[in-house]
Every structure is written in structure tokens, then in C-alpha cells.
Amino acid sequence: AFVTAKWEAITLPLLCMLGAGVFPCTSAIAAATVTAKDEGLAQGVTAGARMLAEGASPAVLGVLFFAFKHTAMPGAPFLVAAVFVIGALLLSKNLKVRPDGSVITNADFDF
């Protein structure tokens, strides 16, 4: 719908392939920012978040694509996904890191 030239048809899939590197990078960052004792927990949380996203995304976006199918903005689900990405980026800015590079967790606070 938006591709009007051959170079766009070639370039866009190449950019999409970069997304395949997100999970390995996230896992590496998670492993590098926690203590050795908590590394398994960090990997589990990372894998769990990935599975949740892979399961919920098709369901939620499928409903949105159907809802916006015959409207003036059929691409609105992409805007919703972009809002979620921006929200995740803003949340990640609030992560606190110790001088040794590990992330401050709830265990560091007395509740």
C-alpha cells in the first residue's frame, strides 16, 4: 500500500530483519545488568515478556485491524503499536542502575 518503488520493497524487509536481533540483545543486557545469582530470573522474565508479546500481539492487533478495516485510517493498529513502543522506551528511561552496572530491583527496597 505504501511501497511505490523497488528500492523500498527491498529496503523495508532488510530493516525488519533487524528486529530479529532485539531478543538476543535484550537477553544479553538483562544478563549483564544483574548479579550472577539473579541471572536465571532475568532470563526468565525476558523470555516470559517475549512469549507474552508474541501471544498477545496477534490477538490484539487482529481485533484492531478488523475494527479499523473500513475506516478512514485502516493503518491505525500500527499507530497503536508505535504508542506502545514509545511507552516502553519512556519506561526504560526510568530504570535505575548501580555504579557496578546492575539494575536496582524491588528487593533493594523495604516494603
Foldseek 3Di string as FASTA:
>chain_A
DPDDDPVCVVPVVVVVVVVVCPLVVQLVLQQQAADPVCSVVSNVVSVVVVVCCVVVVCVVLVVVLVVLVPDPCSPVSVVVVVVVVVVVVVVVVPWDGDPSRHTDDPVVDDD
